[in-house]
């Protein structure tokens, strides 16, 4: 952890509780406004995604509400394809090795970092 964060944290702990609460409220208000703005602009990622896959197992009832037997929690298992088969990857790698050996070229990894912030 950076020295600056430790220093700031210790300084905040030195404030009276009502001042700490005020600063926390101020921070959460700013945060809520930033999230609201990102939602309005369509830039907020809430972490929920639609999965395209094949049903492997399901539905299995894992919980039944004791007060309302109709309320059931079910478990589904799906298989999601996120790439190519291992055998195909090995074949592509071997072909690339052969091609690169003939042309005396090398692999290069280019990393593009995109920084964005919520204003």
C-alpha atoms as a PDB file:
ATOM      1  CA  UNK A   1       0.000   0.000   0.000  1.00  0.00           C
ATOM      2  CA  UNK A   2       1.256   3.444  -0.826  1.00  0.00           C
ATOM      3  CA  UNK A   3       2.456   5.742   1.936  1.00  0.00           C
ATOM      4  CA  UNK A   4      -0.090   8.337   0.810  1.00  0.00           C
ATOM      5  CA  UNK A   5      -3.038   6.009   1.429  1.00  0.00           C
ATOM      6  CA  UNK A   6      -1.782   5.084   4.892  1.00  0.00           C
ATOM      7  CA  UNK A   7      -1.254   8.723   5.720  1.00  0.00           C
ATOM      8  CA  UNK A   8      -4.734   9.653   4.512  1.00  0.00           C
ATOM      9  CA  UNK A   9      -6.339   6.754   6.369  1.00  0.00           C
ATOM     10  CA  UNK A  10      -4.601   7.666   9.609  1.00  0.00           C
ATOM     11  CA  UNK A  11      -5.597  11.303   9.208  1.00  0.00           C
ATOM     12  CA  UNK A  12      -9.227  10.331   8.668  1.00  0.00           C
ATOM     13  CA  UNK A  13      -9.191   8.136  11.765  1.00  0.00           C
ATOM     14  CA  UNK A  14      -8.045  11.170  13.732  1.00  0.00           C
ATOM     15  CA  UNK A  15     -11.229  13.074  12.888  1.00  0.00           C
ATOM     16  CA  UNK A  16     -14.231  12.987  15.135  1.00  0.00           C
ATOM     17  CA  UNK A  17     -16.870  10.396  14.233  1.00  0.00           C
ATOM     18  CA  UNK A  18     -19.365  12.990  12.972  1.00  0.00           C
ATOM     19  CA  UNK A  19     -16.696  14.371  10.609  1.00  0.00           C
ATOM     20  CA  UNK A  20     -15.832  10.838   9.423  1.00  0.00           C
ATOM     21  CA  UNK A  21     -19.520  10.217   8.752  1.00  0.00           C
ATOM     22  CA  UNK A  22     -19.778  13.492   6.825  1.00  0.00           C
ATOM     23  CA  UNK A  23     -16.770  12.599   4.636  1.00  0.00           C
ATOM     24  CA  UNK A  24     -18.068   9.077   4.024  1.00  0.00           C
ATOM     25  CA  UNK A  25     -21.494  10.476   3.078  1.00  0.00           C
ATOM     26  CA  UNK A  26     -19.804  12.950   0.720  1.00  0.00           C
ATOM     27  CA  UNK A  27     -17.796  10.143  -0.894  1.00  0.00           C
ATOM     28  CA  UNK A  28     -20.833   7.857  -1.315  1.00  0.00           C
ATOM     29  CA  UNK A  29     -22.868  10.717  -2.799  1.00  0.00           C
ATOM     30  CA  UNK A  30     -20.120  11.386  -5.354  1.00  0.00           C
ATOM     31  CA  UNK A  31     -19.830   7.675  -6.080  1.00  0.00           C
ATOM     32  CA  UNK A  32     -23.607   7.278  -6.536  1.00  0.00           C
ATOM     33  CA  UNK A  33     -23.636  10.265  -8.896  1.00  0.00           C
ATOM     34  CA  UNK A  34     -20.759   8.803 -10.936  1.00  0.00           C
ATOM     35  CA  UNK A  35     -22.539   5.448 -11.215  1.00  0.00           C
ATOM     36  CA  UNK A  36     -25.805   7.157 -12.179  1.00  0.00           C
ATOM     37  CA  UNK A  37     -23.998   9.153 -14.874  1.00  0.00           C
ATOM     38  CA  UNK A  38     -22.330   6.027 -16.228  1.00  0.00           C
ATOM     39  CA  UNK A  39     -25.694   4.229 -16.290  1.00  0.00           C
ATOM     40  CA  UNK A  40     -27.282   7.132 -18.187  1.00  0.00           C
ATOM     41  CA  UNK A  41     -24.458   7.076 -20.750  1.00  0.00           C
ATOM     42  CA  UNK A  42     -24.490   3.293 -21.034  1.00  0.00           C
ATOM     43  CA  UNK A  43     -20.900   2.954 -19.773  1.00  0.00           C
ATOM     44  CA  UNK A  44     -21.589   1.094 -16.536  1.00  0.00           C
ATOM     45  CA  UNK A  45     -20.801  -2.611 -16.384  1.00  0.00           C
ATOM     46  CA  UNK A  46     -22.910  -4.298 -13.732  1.00  0.00           C
ATOM     47  CA  UNK A  47     -21.230  -7.670 -14.194  1.00  0.00           C
ATOM     48  CA  UNK A  48     -24.341  -9.530 -15.390  1.00  0.00           C
ATOM     49  CA  UNK A  49     -24.018 -11.234 -18.739  1.00  0.00           C
ATOM     50  CA  UNK A  50     -26.208 -13.417 -20.904  1.00  0.00           C
ATOM     51  CA  UNK A  51     -24.483 -16.745 -21.419  1.00  0.00           C
ATOM     52  CA  UNK A  52     -24.819 -18.678 -24.636  1.00  0.00           C
ATOM     53  CA  UNK A  53     -24.205 -22.336 -23.985  1.00  0.00           C
ATOM     54  CA  UNK A  54     -25.511 -25.871 -23.908  1.00  0.00           C
ATOM     55  CA  UNK A  55     -27.529 -27.200 -20.984  1.00  0.00           C
ATOM     56  CA  UNK A  56     -25.528 -29.981 -19.360  1.00  0.00           C
ATOM     57  CA  UNK A  57     -27.515 -30.644 -16.215  1.00  0.00           C
ATOM     58  CA  UNK A  58     -30.638 -29.088 -14.805  1.00  0.00           C
ATOM     59  CA  UNK A  59     -32.812 -28.060 -13.311  1.00  0.00           C
ATOM     60  CA  UNK A  60     -31.944 -29.466  -9.900  1.00  0.00           C
ATOM     61  CA  UNK A  61     -33.871 -28.184  -6.889  1.00  0.00           C
ATOM     62  CA  UNK A  62     -31.317 -27.122  -4.274  1.00  0.00           C
ATOM     63  CA  UNK A  63     -33.634 -25.359  -1.818  1.00  0.00           C
ATOM     64  CA  UNK A  64     -37.346 -25.310  -1.038  1.00  0.00           C
ATOM     65  CA  UNK A  65     -38.781 -22.482   1.037  1.00  0.00           C
ATOM     66  CA  UNK A  66     -40.220 -24.047   4.210  1.00  0.00           C
ATOM     67  CA  UNK A  67     -43.056 -21.494   4.335  1.00  0.00           C
ATOM     68  CA  UNK A  68     -44.036 -21.593   0.673  1.00  0.00           C
ATOM     69  CA  UNK A  69     -43.310 -24.938  -0.992  1.00  0.00           C
ATOM     70  CA  UNK A  70     -43.813 -23.353  -4.436  1.00  0.00           C
ATOM     71  CA  UNK A  71     -40.723 -21.140  -3.965  1.00  0.00           C
ATOM     72  CA  UNK A  72     -37.793 -23.251  -5.128  1.00  0.00           C
ATOM     73  CA  UNK A  73     -34.190 -22.418  -5.901  1.00  0.00           C
ATOM     74  CA  UNK A  74     -32.967 -24.382  -8.901  1.00  0.00           C
ATOM     75  CA  UNK A  75     -29.481 -25.088 -10.173  1.00  0.00           C
ATOM     76  CA  UNK A  76     -28.626 -25.302 -13.862  1.00  0.00           C
ATOM     77  CA  UNK A  77     -25.266 -26.395 -15.217  1.00  0.00           C
ATOM     78  CA  UNK A  78     -24.334 -25.121 -18.653  1.00  0.00           C
ATOM     79  CA  UNK A  79     -21.271 -25.528 -20.843  1.00  0.00           C
ATOM     80  CA  UNK A  80     -19.967 -22.320 -22.377  1.00  0.00           C
ATOM     81  CA  UNK A  81     -17.527 -22.420 -25.274  1.00  0.00           C
ATOM     82  CA  UNK A  82     -14.982 -19.655 -24.833  1.00  0.00           C
ATOM     83  CA  UNK A  83     -12.439 -20.610 -27.444  1.00  0.00           C
ATOM     84  CA  UNK A  84     -11.140 -23.410 -29.593  1.00  0.00           C
ATOM     85  CA  UNK A  85     -10.405 -27.011 -28.737  1.00  0.00           C
ATOM     86  CA  UNK A  86      -6.987 -27.829 -27.313  1.00  0.00           C
ATOM     87  CA  UNK A  87      -6.099 -30.003 -30.272  1.00  0.00           C
ATOM     88  CA  UNK A  88      -6.890 -27.177 -32.698  1.00  0.00           C
ATOM     89  CA  UNK A  89      -4.792 -24.745 -30.653  1.00  0.00           C
ATOM     90  CA  UNK A  90      -1.808 -27.126 -30.675  1.00  0.00           C
ATOM     91  CA  UNK A  91      -2.166 -27.613 -34.443  1.00  0.00           C
ATOM     92  CA  UNK A  92      -2.302 -23.838 -35.038  1.00  0.00           C
ATOM     93  CA  UNK A  93       0.746 -23.361 -32.797  1.00  0.00           C
ATOM     94  CA  UNK A  94       2.729 -26.009 -34.663  1.00  0.00           C
ATOM     95  CA  UNK A  95       1.789 -24.482 -38.029  1.00  0.00           C
ATOM     96  CA  UNK A  96       2.858 -21.054 -36.792  1.00  0.00           C
ATOM     97  CA  UNK A  97       6.160 -22.448 -35.523  1.00  0.00           C
ATOM     98  CA  UNK A  98       6.851 -23.977 -38.918  1.00  0.00           C
ATOM     99  CA  UNK A  99       5.920 -20.781 -40.750  1.00  0.00           C
ATOM    100  CA  UNK A 100       7.936 -18.534 -38.450  1.00  0.00           C
ATOM    101  CA  UNK A 101      10.985 -20.819 -38.604  1.00  0.00           C
ATOM    102  CA  UNK A 102      10.992 -20.503 -42.419  1.00  0.00           C
ATOM    103  CA  UNK A 103      10.593 -16.716 -42.430  1.00  0.00           C
ATOM    104  CA  UNK A 104      12.965 -16.076 -39.498  1.00  0.00           C
ATOM    105  CA  UNK A 105      10.353 -13.990 -37.714  1.00  0.00           C
ATOM    106  CA  UNK A 106       9.480 -13.719 -34.048  1.00  0.00           C
ATOM    107  CA  UNK A 107       6.407 -13.397 -31.881  1.00  0.00           C
ATOM    108  CA  UNK A 108       5.691  -9.944 -30.547  1.00  0.00           C
ATOM    109  CA  UNK A 109       3.211  -9.181 -27.831  1.00  0.00           C
ATOM    110  CA  UNK A 110       1.634  -5.773 -28.060  1.00  0.00           C
ATOM    111  CA  UNK A 111      -0.315  -4.647 -25.059  1.00  0.00           C
ATOM    112  CA  UNK A 112      -2.684  -1.732 -25.431  1.00  0.00           C
ATOM    113  CA  UNK A 113      -3.806  -0.294 -22.147  1.00  0.00           C
ATOM    114  CA  UNK A 114      -6.852   1.895 -22.217  1.00  0.00           C
ATOM    115  CA  UNK A 115      -7.488   3.964 -19.143  1.00  0.00           C
ATOM    116  CA  UNK A 116     -10.839   5.546 -18.667  1.00  0.00           C
ATOM    117  CA  UNK A 117     -12.349   7.186 -15.668  1.00  0.00           C
ATOM    118  CA  UNK A 118     -15.801   8.134 -14.644  1.00  0.00           C
ATOM    119  CA  UNK A 119     -16.219  11.876 -14.609  1.00  0.00           C
END
